[in-house]
């Protein structure tokens, strides 16, 4: 190799390394300060909960009646049972009513496919959404409360899931 070829090779190598190093700096195309601070498991705002089985979602659907609908429910185990949070959506396209975050309680595991346990409205939105012509909603167990940590957590899970 001639000295001119060696010089050209060294310059191309140095230019390549410099190009690679400048690509790692924040040149505007990369966000040097991302919003997330770590994996989703480290960020409580990104907490996810298990999802209820179809039979449990169908039980909520039956409790709210034909005028409203729900597609899924988040689940959280709490004192005295399980909490479910479901978004109740009006079935009518032009209904001015907004989606409601409802919290329900049960003593049976709502993640099991053969769920047929009692289902009780816990928060005001759930009680208001229960259809007057339906008797499938039962009394809230005395150990369940809408201000419990599990009830708040499952409502937060539903909101986070809806925002994804």
C-alpha atoms as a PDB file:
ATOM      1  CA  UNK A   1       0.000   0.000   0.000  1.00  0.00           C
ATOM      2  CA  UNK A   2       1.244   3.426  -0.826  1.00  0.00           C
ATOM      3  CA  UNK A   3       1.364   6.170   1.757  1.00  0.00           C
ATOM      4  CA  UNK A   4      -1.396   8.014  -0.083  1.00  0.00           C
ATOM      5  CA  UNK A   5      -3.712   4.960   0.149  1.00  0.00           C
ATOM      6  CA  UNK A   6      -2.886   4.534   3.839  1.00  0.00           C
ATOM      7  CA  UNK A   7      -3.648   8.198   4.514  1.00  0.00           C
ATOM      8  CA  UNK A   8      -6.960   7.975   2.656  1.00  0.00           C
ATOM      9  CA  UNK A   9      -7.925   4.812   4.571  1.00  0.00           C
ATOM     10  CA  UNK A  10      -7.086   6.443   7.909  1.00  0.00           C
ATOM     11  CA  UNK A  11      -9.110   9.562   7.008  1.00  0.00           C
ATOM     12  CA  UNK A  12     -12.123   7.455   5.964  1.00  0.00           C
ATOM     13  CA  UNK A  13     -11.845   5.483   9.225  1.00  0.00           C
ATOM     14  CA  UNK A  14     -11.602   8.640  11.339  1.00  0.00           C
ATOM     15  CA  UNK A  15     -14.544  10.212   9.483  1.00  0.00           C
ATOM     16  CA  UNK A  16     -16.641   7.049  10.047  1.00  0.00           C
ATOM     17  CA  UNK A  17     -15.890   6.995  13.779  1.00  0.00           C
ATOM     18  CA  UNK A  18     -16.656  10.725  14.050  1.00  0.00           C
ATOM     19  CA  UNK A  19     -19.953  10.236  12.195  1.00  0.00           C
ATOM     20  CA  UNK A  20     -20.950   7.377  14.486  1.00  0.00           C
ATOM     21  CA  UNK A  21     -20.079   9.362  17.613  1.00  0.00           C
ATOM     22  CA  UNK A  22     -22.037  12.450  16.555  1.00  0.00           C
ATOM     23  CA  UNK A  23     -25.096  10.312  15.843  1.00  0.00           C
ATOM     24  CA  UNK A  24     -25.164   9.356  19.535  1.00  0.00           C
ATOM     25  CA  UNK A  25     -25.474  12.968  20.660  1.00  0.00           C
ATOM     26  CA  UNK A  26     -28.791  14.750  20.889  1.00  0.00           C
ATOM     27  CA  UNK A  27     -29.007  16.432  17.516  1.00  0.00           C
ATOM     28  CA  UNK A  28     -32.710  17.156  17.775  1.00  0.00           C
ATOM     29  CA  UNK A  29     -33.822  13.877  16.261  1.00  0.00           C
ATOM     30  CA  UNK A  30     -33.490  12.002  19.536  1.00  0.00           C
ATOM     31  CA  UNK A  31     -35.218  12.834  22.778  1.00  0.00           C
ATOM     32  CA  UNK A  32     -32.480  13.172  25.372  1.00  0.00           C
ATOM     33  CA  UNK A  33     -34.983  13.461  28.229  1.00  0.00           C
ATOM     34  CA  UNK A  34     -37.767  10.926  27.719  1.00  0.00           C
ATOM     35  CA  UNK A  35     -40.900  11.149  29.850  1.00  0.00           C
ATOM     36  CA  UNK A  36     -40.670   7.558  31.086  1.00  0.00           C
ATOM     37  CA  UNK A  37     -38.079   7.013  33.772  1.00  0.00           C
ATOM     38  CA  UNK A  38     -37.692   3.289  33.352  1.00  0.00           C
ATOM     39  CA  UNK A  39     -39.528   0.112  32.563  1.00  0.00           C
ATOM     40  CA  UNK A  40     -43.323   0.137  32.942  1.00  0.00           C
ATOM     41  CA  UNK A  41     -43.044  -1.965  36.086  1.00  0.00           C
ATOM     42  CA  UNK A  42     -41.089   0.827  37.812  1.00  0.00           C
ATOM     43  CA  UNK A  43     -43.627   3.530  36.996  1.00  0.00           C
ATOM     44  CA  UNK A  44     -46.809   3.289  39.100  1.00  0.00           C
ATOM     45  CA  UNK A  45     -48.653   5.465  36.584  1.00  0.00           C
ATOM     46  CA  UNK A  46     -48.202   2.680  34.028  1.00  0.00           C
ATOM     47  CA  UNK A  47     -49.424  -0.082  36.302  1.00  0.00           C
ATOM     48  CA  UNK A  48     -51.496  -2.736  34.596  1.00  0.00           C
ATOM     49  CA  UNK A  49     -53.984  -5.138  36.118  1.00  0.00           C
ATOM     50  CA  UNK A  50     -55.275  -8.508  35.006  1.00  0.00           C
ATOM     51  CA  UNK A  51     -58.362  -8.500  32.827  1.00  0.00           C
ATOM     52  CA  UNK A  52     -61.632 -10.147  33.837  1.00  0.00           C
ATOM     53  CA  UNK A  53     -62.892 -13.204  31.993  1.00  0.00           C
ATOM     54  CA  UNK A  54     -65.650 -12.787  29.412  1.00  0.00           C
ATOM     55  CA  UNK A  55     -68.206 -14.296  31.794  1.00  0.00           C
ATOM     56  CA  UNK A  56     -67.477 -11.577  34.392  1.00  0.00           C
ATOM     57  CA  UNK A  57     -67.700  -8.830  31.753  1.00  0.00           C
ATOM     58  CA  UNK A  58     -70.995 -10.340  30.574  1.00  0.00           C
ATOM     59  CA  UNK A  59     -72.276 -10.180  34.169  1.00  0.00           C
ATOM     60  CA  UNK A  60     -71.492  -6.450  34.294  1.00  0.00           C
ATOM     61  CA  UNK A  61     -73.129  -6.049  30.885  1.00  0.00           C
ATOM     62  CA  UNK A  62     -76.271  -7.767  32.192  1.00  0.00           C
ATOM     63  CA  UNK A  63     -76.319  -5.579  35.312  1.00  0.00           C
ATOM     64  CA  UNK A  64     -76.180  -2.306  33.375  1.00  0.00           C
ATOM     65  CA  UNK A  65     -78.880  -3.335  30.911  1.00  0.00           C
ATOM     66  CA  UNK A  66     -79.305  -2.996  27.173  1.00  0.00           C
ATOM     67  CA  UNK A  67     -78.869   0.780  27.060  1.00  0.00           C
ATOM     68  CA  UNK A  68     -75.182   0.538  28.009  1.00  0.00           C
ATOM     69  CA  UNK A  69     -72.256  -1.656  27.027  1.00  0.00           C
ATOM     70  CA  UNK A  70     -68.831  -2.683  28.315  1.00  0.00           C
ATOM     71  CA  UNK A  71     -65.987  -4.447  26.503  1.00  0.00           C
ATOM     72  CA  UNK A  72     -63.498  -5.368  29.244  1.00  0.00           C
ATOM     73  CA  UNK A  73     -62.863  -5.000  32.954  1.00  0.00           C
ATOM     74  CA  UNK A  74     -59.671  -4.638  34.953  1.00  0.00           C
ATOM     75  CA  UNK A  75     -59.322  -6.782  38.088  1.00  0.00           C
ATOM     76  CA  UNK A  76     -57.613  -6.224  41.455  1.00  0.00           C
ATOM     77  CA  UNK A  77     -57.720  -8.483  44.489  1.00  0.00           C
ATOM     78  CA  UNK A  78     -58.600  -6.648  47.694  1.00  0.00           C
ATOM     79  CA  UNK A  79     -59.775  -7.194  51.232  1.00  0.00           C
ATOM     80  CA  UNK A  80     -62.736  -9.537  51.269  1.00  0.00           C
ATOM     81  CA  UNK A  81     -62.838 -10.227  47.539  1.00  0.00           C
ATOM     82  CA  UNK A  82     -62.106  -8.891  44.105  1.00  0.00           C
ATOM     83  CA  UNK A  83     -62.646  -5.463  42.580  1.00  0.00           C
ATOM     84  CA  UNK A  84     -63.489  -4.976  38.906  1.00  0.00           C
ATOM     85  CA  UNK A  85     -63.401  -1.679  37.033  1.00  0.00           C
ATOM     86  CA  UNK A  86     -65.292  -1.359  33.778  1.00  0.00           C
ATOM     87  CA  UNK A  87     -65.973   1.520  31.438  1.00  0.00           C
ATOM     88  CA  UNK A  88     -69.692   1.735  30.764  1.00  0.00           C
ATOM     89  CA  UNK A  89     -70.381   3.123  27.306  1.00  0.00           C
ATOM     90  CA  UNK A  90     -73.809   4.179  25.989  1.00  0.00           C
ATOM     91  CA  UNK A  91     -75.104   1.862  23.260  1.00  0.00           C
ATOM     92  CA  UNK A  92     -76.752   4.740  21.396  1.00  0.00           C
ATOM     93  CA  UNK A  93     -74.437   6.640  19.078  1.00  0.00           C
ATOM     94  CA  UNK A  94     -75.765  10.129  19.831  1.00  0.00           C
ATOM     95  CA  UNK A  95     -76.219   9.617  23.578  1.00  0.00           C
ATOM     96  CA  UNK A  96     -74.808  12.702  25.345  1.00  0.00           C
ATOM     97  CA  UNK A  97     -73.911  10.598  28.386  1.00  0.00           C
ATOM     98  CA  UNK A  98     -70.178  10.138  28.810  1.00  0.00           C
ATOM     99  CA  UNK A  99     -68.294   6.939  29.584  1.00  0.00           C
ATOM    100  CA  UNK A 100     -68.386   6.089  33.270  1.00  0.00           C
ATOM    101  CA  UNK A 101     -65.653   4.327  35.243  1.00  0.00           C
ATOM    102  CA  UNK A 102     -67.582   1.859  37.362  1.00  0.00           C
ATOM    103  CA  UNK A 103     -66.175  -0.235  40.203  1.00  0.00           C
ATOM    104  CA  UNK A 104     -67.741  -3.569  41.135  1.00  0.00           C
ATOM    105  CA  UNK A 105     -67.037  -6.140  43.862  1.00  0.00           C
ATOM    106  CA  UNK A 106     -67.322  -9.908  43.940  1.00  0.00           C
ATOM    107  CA  UNK A 107     -66.265 -12.751  46.202  1.00  0.00           C
ATOM    108  CA  UNK A 108     -65.536 -15.096  43.275  1.00  0.00           C
ATOM    109  CA  UNK A 109     -62.426 -14.953  41.075  1.00  0.00           C
ATOM    110  CA  UNK A 110     -63.439 -12.874  38.006  1.00  0.00           C
ATOM    111  CA  UNK A 111     -60.438 -14.057  35.994  1.00  0.00           C
ATOM    112  CA  UNK A 112     -61.856 -17.603  35.839  1.00  0.00           C
ATOM    113  CA  UNK A 113     -63.734 -18.420  32.623  1.00  0.00           C
ATOM    114  CA  UNK A 114     -66.583 -20.030  34.551  1.00  0.00           C
ATOM    115  CA  UNK A 115     -67.218 -16.966  36.730  1.00  0.00           C
ATOM    116  CA  UNK A 116     -70.763 -16.958  38.113  1.00  0.00           C
ATOM    117  CA  UNK A 117     -70.250 -15.192  41.418  1.00  0.00           C
ATOM    118  CA  UNK A 118     -72.229 -12.342  42.903  1.00  0.00           C
ATOM    119  CA  UNK A 119     -71.519  -8.912  41.460  1.00  0.00           C
ATOM    120  CA  UNK A 120     -72.150  -5.738  43.445  1.00  0.00           C
ATOM    121  CA  UNK A 121     -71.821  -2.076  42.394  1.00  0.00           C
ATOM    122  CA  UNK A 122     -69.320  -0.310  44.654  1.00  0.00           C
ATOM    123  CA  UNK A 123     -69.018   3.304  43.492  1.00  0.00           C
ATOM    124  CA  UNK A 124     -71.744   5.844  42.657  1.00  0.00           C
ATOM    125  CA  UNK A 125     -71.233   5.426  38.899  1.00  0.00           C
ATOM    126  CA  UNK A 126     -71.768   1.667  39.127  1.00  0.00           C
ATOM    127  CA  UNK A 127     -74.883   2.080  41.283  1.00  0.00           C
ATOM    128  CA  UNK A 128     -76.276   4.647  38.844  1.00  0.00           C
ATOM    129  CA  UNK A 129     -75.581   2.427  35.844  1.00  0.00           C
ATOM    130  CA  UNK A 130     -77.437  -0.616  37.211  1.00  0.00           C
ATOM    131  CA  UNK A 131     -80.548  -1.147  35.141  1.00  0.00           C
ATOM    132  CA  UNK A 132     -83.731  -0.737  37.165  1.00  0.00           C
ATOM    133  CA  UNK A 133     -85.313  -3.768  35.464  1.00  0.00           C
ATOM    134  CA  UNK A 134     -82.374  -6.032  36.285  1.00  0.00           C
ATOM    135  CA  UNK A 135     -81.829  -7.931  39.513  1.00  0.00           C
ATOM    136  CA  UNK A 136     -78.407  -9.436  38.716  1.00  0.00           C
ATOM    137  CA  UNK A 137     -76.516  -6.939  40.889  1.00  0.00           C
ATOM    138  CA  UNK A 138     -76.281  -7.955  44.532  1.00  0.00           C
ATOM    139  CA  UNK A 139     -75.531  -6.129  47.783  1.00  0.00           C
ATOM    140  CA  UNK A 140     -71.975  -4.904  48.325  1.00  0.00           C
ATOM    141  CA  UNK A 141     -70.026  -7.136  50.727  1.00  0.00           C
ATOM    142  CA  UNK A 142     -69.384  -5.278  53.999  1.00  0.00           C
ATOM    143  CA  UNK A 143     -65.619  -5.640  53.470  1.00  0.00           C
ATOM    144  CA  UNK A 144     -65.703  -3.794  50.118  1.00  0.00           C
ATOM    145  CA  UNK A 145     -65.556  -0.021  49.870  1.00  0.00           C
ATOM    146  CA  UNK A 146     -65.149   2.454  47.022  1.00  0.00           C
ATOM    147  CA  UNK A 147     -62.407   4.271  48.957  1.00  0.00           C
ATOM    148  CA  UNK A 148     -60.275   1.160  49.539  1.00  0.00           C
ATOM    149  CA  UNK A 149     -56.791   0.985  48.045  1.00  0.00           C
ATOM    150  CA  UNK A 150     -57.805  -1.922  45.776  1.00  0.00           C
ATOM    151  CA  UNK A 151     -60.853  -0.042  44.434  1.00  0.00           C
ATOM    152  CA  UNK A 152     -58.725   3.007  43.662  1.00  0.00           C
ATOM    153  CA  UNK A 153     -56.000   0.855  42.086  1.00  0.00           C
ATOM    154  CA  UNK A 154     -58.371  -1.019  39.784  1.00  0.00           C
ATOM    155  CA  UNK A 155     -60.007   2.238  38.650  1.00  0.00           C
ATOM    156  CA  UNK A 156     -56.527   3.597  37.900  1.00  0.00           C
ATOM    157  CA  UNK A 157     -55.696   0.464  35.923  1.00  0.00           C
ATOM    158  CA  UNK A 158     -58.803   0.899  33.799  1.00  0.00           C
ATOM    159  CA  UNK A 159     -57.991   4.539  33.090  1.00  0.00           C
ATOM    160  CA  UNK A 160     -54.389   3.660  32.193  1.00  0.00           C
ATOM    161  CA  UNK A 161     -55.565   0.847  29.909  1.00  0.00           C
ATOM    162  CA  UNK A 162     -58.020   3.188  28.183  1.00  0.00           C
ATOM    163  CA  UNK A 163     -55.284   5.776  27.622  1.00  0.00           C
ATOM    164  CA  UNK A 164     -52.993   3.337  25.820  1.00  0.00           C
END
